[in-house]
Amino acid sequence: MIRDSQGLEGKLMKLNQEKAELEAEYARMPSHSGRNLKERKRKTDIECRFEVLDQDVNSIRLQLKKLGLK
């Protein structure tokens, strides 16, 4: 059980780190759609990844809660 929780906490930390890095990149992007197709695609890719990261983070938090750790 402790090993499981450590693994989950490690995954959670990695996901939160990735999310922070993407948030920083997203914040540097222009507020409008972007100047070209490449910028618009990257912005869309980041937004989609945010959704996946949020789902994964919430899932791990729920698992940790079930283990009685968070």
N, C-alpha and C. Protein backbone atom coordinates (compact mmCIF):
# COMPACT_ATOMS: atom_id res chain seq x y z
N MET A 1 0.83 -1.19 0.00
CA MET A 1 0.00 0.00 0.00
C MET A 1 0.87 1.26 0.00
N ILE A 2 1.93 1.26 0.78
CA ILE A 2 2.81 2.43 0.81
C ILE A 2 3.49 2.61 -0.54
N ARG A 3 3.90 1.49 -1.15
CA ARG A 3 4.54 1.55 -2.45
C ARG A 3 3.58 2.12 -3.49
N ASP A 4 2.30 1.68 -3.41
CA ASP A 4 1.28 2.19 -4.32
C ASP A 4 1.12 3.70 -4.16
N SER A 5 1.06 4.14 -2.91
CA SER A 5 0.85 5.56 -2.66
C SER A 5 2.05 6.38 -3.13
N GLN A 6 3.25 5.85 -2.94
CA GLN A 6 4.44 6.57 -3.40
C GLN A 6 4.45 6.68 -4.93
N GLY A 7 4.05 5.60 -5.60
CA GLY A 7 3.97 5.63 -7.05
C GLY A 7 2.95 6.64 -7.54
N LEU A 8 1.79 6.65 -6.88
CA LEU A 8 0.74 7.60 -7.26
C LEU A 8 1.18 9.03 -7.00
N GLU A 9 1.82 9.26 -5.86
CA GLU A 9 2.29 10.61 -5.55
C GLU A 9 3.35 11.07 -6.54
N GLY A 10 4.21 10.15 -6.97
CA GLY A 10 5.22 10.47 -7.97
C GLY A 10 4.58 10.85 -9.30
N LYS A 11 3.56 10.09 -9.71
CA LYS A 11 2.84 10.40 -10.95
C LYS A 11 2.16 11.76 -10.84
N LEU A 12 1.56 12.00 -9.68
CA LEU A 12 0.86 13.27 -9.46
C LEU A 12 1.83 14.45 -9.56
N MET A 13 3.01 14.29 -8.99
CA MET A 13 4.01 15.36 -9.07
C MET A 13 4.44 15.60 -10.51
N LYS A 14 4.65 14.54 -11.27
CA LYS A 14 5.06 14.69 -12.68
C LYS A 14 3.97 15.37 -13.50
N LEU A 15 2.73 14.97 -13.27
CA LEU A 15 1.62 15.58 -14.00
C LEU A 15 1.49 17.06 -13.65
N ASN A 16 1.62 17.39 -12.38
CA ASN A 16 1.53 18.79 -11.97
C ASN A 16 2.68 19.61 -12.54
N GLN A 17 3.86 19.01 -12.64
CA GLN A 17 5.00 19.70 -13.23
C GLN A 17 4.75 19.96 -14.72
N GLU A 18 4.26 18.94 -15.42
CA GLU A 18 3.95 19.12 -16.85
C GLU A 18 2.89 20.20 -17.03
N LYS A 19 1.88 20.18 -16.18
CA LYS A 19 0.82 21.18 -16.27
C LYS A 19 1.37 22.58 -16.06
N ALA A 20 2.26 22.74 -15.09
CA ALA A 20 2.85 24.05 -14.83
C ALA A 20 3.67 24.54 -16.02
N GLU A 21 4.42 23.63 -16.63
CA GLU A 21 5.22 24.00 -17.81
C GLU A 21 4.32 24.41 -18.97
N LEU A 22 3.23 23.66 -19.18
CA LEU A 22 2.30 24.01 -20.26
C LEU A 22 1.59 25.33 -19.96
N GLU A 23 1.24 25.56 -18.70
CA GLU A 23 0.60 26.82 -18.34
C GLU A 23 1.52 28.00 -18.61
N ALA A 24 2.81 27.83 -18.34
CA ALA A 24 3.77 28.90 -18.60
C ALA A 24 3.87 29.16 -20.11
N GLU A 25 3.94 28.10 -20.89
CA GLU A 25 4.00 28.26 -22.35
C GLU A 25 2.72 28.91 -22.87
N TYR A 26 1.58 28.48 -22.34
CA TYR A 26 0.29 29.01 -22.77
C TYR A 26 0.18 30.50 -22.43
N ALA A 27 0.70 30.89 -21.27
CA ALA A 27 0.64 32.29 -20.85
C ALA A 27 1.48 33.18 -21.75
N ARG A 28 2.54 32.64 -22.33
CA ARG A 28 3.38 33.42 -23.23
C ARG A 28 2.78 33.60 -24.62
N MET A 29 1.76 32.82 -24.92
CA MET A 29 1.13 32.89 -26.24
C MET A 29 0.25 34.14 -26.33
N PRO A 30 0.09 34.66 -27.54
CA PRO A 30 -0.79 35.82 -27.70
C PRO A 30 -2.22 35.48 -27.32
N SER A 31 -2.92 36.45 -26.79
CA SER A 31 -4.29 36.20 -26.32
C SER A 31 -5.25 35.95 -27.47
N HIS A 32 -4.96 36.51 -28.63
CA HIS A 32 -5.80 36.23 -29.79
C HIS A 32 -5.43 34.87 -30.36
N SER A 33 -6.02 34.48 -31.42
CA SER A 33 -5.88 33.11 -31.94
C SER A 33 -4.46 32.70 -32.28
N GLY A 34 -3.61 33.62 -32.58
CA GLY A 34 -2.26 33.28 -32.98
C GLY A 34 -1.99 33.85 -34.35
N ARG A 35 -0.73 34.02 -34.65
CA ARG A 35 -0.38 34.67 -35.91
C ARG A 35 -0.42 33.71 -37.09
N ASN A 36 -0.17 32.45 -36.83
CA ASN A 36 -0.16 31.52 -37.95
C ASN A 36 -0.75 30.18 -37.53
N LEU A 37 -0.85 29.31 -38.49
CA LEU A 37 -1.47 28.01 -38.25
C LEU A 37 -0.72 27.20 -37.20
N LYS A 38 0.60 27.27 -37.22
CA LYS A 38 1.41 26.51 -36.26
C LYS A 38 1.12 26.95 -34.83
N GLU A 39 1.03 28.26 -34.60
CA GLU A 39 0.74 28.77 -33.25
C GLU A 39 -0.67 28.38 -32.81
N ARG A 40 -1.63 28.47 -33.72
CA ARG A 40 -3.00 28.10 -33.37
C ARG A 40 -3.10 26.61 -33.04
N LYS A 41 -2.39 25.78 -33.80
CA LYS A 41 -2.40 24.35 -33.54
C LYS A 41 -1.76 24.04 -32.20
N ARG A 42 -0.65 24.69 -31.90
CA ARG A 42 0.02 24.45 -30.62
C ARG A 42 -0.88 24.86 -29.46
N LYS A 43 -1.57 25.98 -29.61
CA LYS A 43 -2.47 26.44 -28.57
C LYS A 43 -3.60 25.42 -28.36
N THR A 44 -4.13 24.90 -29.44
CA THR A 44 -5.19 23.89 -29.35
C THR A 44 -4.66 22.61 -28.71
N ASP A 45 -3.45 22.22 -29.10
CA ASP A 45 -2.84 21.02 -28.51
C ASP A 45 -2.66 21.17 -27.00
N ILE A 46 -2.22 22.34 -26.57
CA ILE A 46 -2.03 22.58 -25.13
C ILE A 46 -3.37 22.52 -24.41
N GLU A 47 -4.40 23.12 -24.99
CA GLU A 47 -5.72 23.10 -24.36
C GLU A 47 -6.24 21.67 -24.21
N CYS A 48 -6.03 20.85 -25.24
CA CYS A 48 -6.45 19.45 -25.17
C CYS A 48 -5.66 18.70 -24.11
N ARG A 49 -4.36 18.97 -24.04
CA ARG A 49 -3.52 18.30 -23.04
C ARG A 49 -3.93 18.70 -21.63
N PHE A 50 -4.35 19.97 -21.45
CA PHE A 50 -4.85 20.42 -20.14
C PHE A 50 -6.02 19.53 -19.69
N GLU A 51 -6.93 19.25 -20.61
CA GLU A 51 -8.09 18.44 -20.28
C GLU A 51 -7.67 17.04 -19.82
N VAL A 52 -6.75 16.44 -20.56
CA VAL A 52 -6.27 15.10 -20.21
C VAL A 52 -5.54 15.14 -18.86
N LEU A 53 -4.69 16.13 -18.66
CA LEU A 53 -3.96 16.25 -17.40
C LEU A 53 -4.92 16.41 -16.23
N ASP A 54 -5.95 17.24 -16.40
CA ASP A 54 -6.92 17.43 -15.31
C ASP A 54 -7.62 16.12 -14.96
N GLN A 55 -7.99 15.35 -15.98
CA GLN A 55 -8.63 14.06 -15.73
C GLN A 55 -7.68 13.12 -14.99
N ASP A 56 -6.44 13.07 -15.44
CA ASP A 56 -5.46 12.18 -14.81
C ASP A 56 -5.18 12.60 -13.37
N VAL A 57 -5.00 13.90 -13.14
CA VAL A 57 -4.74 14.40 -11.79
C VAL A 57 -5.92 14.08 -10.87
N ASN A 58 -7.13 14.32 -11.35
CA ASN A 58 -8.30 14.04 -10.52
C ASN A 58 -8.42 12.55 -10.22
N SER A 59 -8.10 11.71 -11.18
CA SER A 59 -8.15 10.27 -10.97
C SER A 59 -7.14 9.83 -9.91
N ILE A 60 -5.94 10.35 -10.00
CA ILE A 60 -4.91 9.98 -9.02
C ILE A 60 -5.28 10.50 -7.63
N ARG A 61 -5.80 11.70 -7.55
CA ARG A 61 -6.23 12.24 -6.25
C ARG A 61 -7.31 11.37 -5.63
N LEU A 62 -8.24 10.90 -6.46
CA LEU A 62 -9.29 10.03 -5.97
C LEU A 62 -8.71 8.71 -5.45
N GLN A 63 -7.74 8.16 -6.18
CA GLN A 63 -7.10 6.92 -5.74
C GLN A 63 -6.38 7.14 -4.41
N LEU A 64 -5.69 8.25 -4.28
CA LEU A 64 -5.01 8.56 -3.02
C LEU A 64 -6.00 8.74 -1.88
N LYS A 65 -7.12 9.36 -2.19
CA LYS A 65 -8.15 9.56 -1.17
C LYS A 65 -8.70 8.21 -0.70
N LYS A 66 -8.87 7.30 -1.66
CA LYS A 66 -9.36 5.96 -1.29
C LYS A 66 -8.35 5.22 -0.42
N LEU A 67 -7.07 5.51 -0.64
CA LEU A 67 -6.03 4.91 0.21
C LEU A 67 -5.94 5.61 1.56
N GLY A 68 -6.66 6.73 1.70
CA GLY A 68 -6.67 7.47 2.96
C GLY A 68 -5.48 8.39 3.13
N LEU A 69 -4.87 8.83 2.01
CA LEU A 69 -3.67 9.65 2.13
C LEU A 69 -3.89 11.11 1.80
N LYS A 70 -4.85 11.44 1.02
CA LYS A 70 -5.06 12.83 0.64
C LYS A 70 -6.52 13.20 0.80
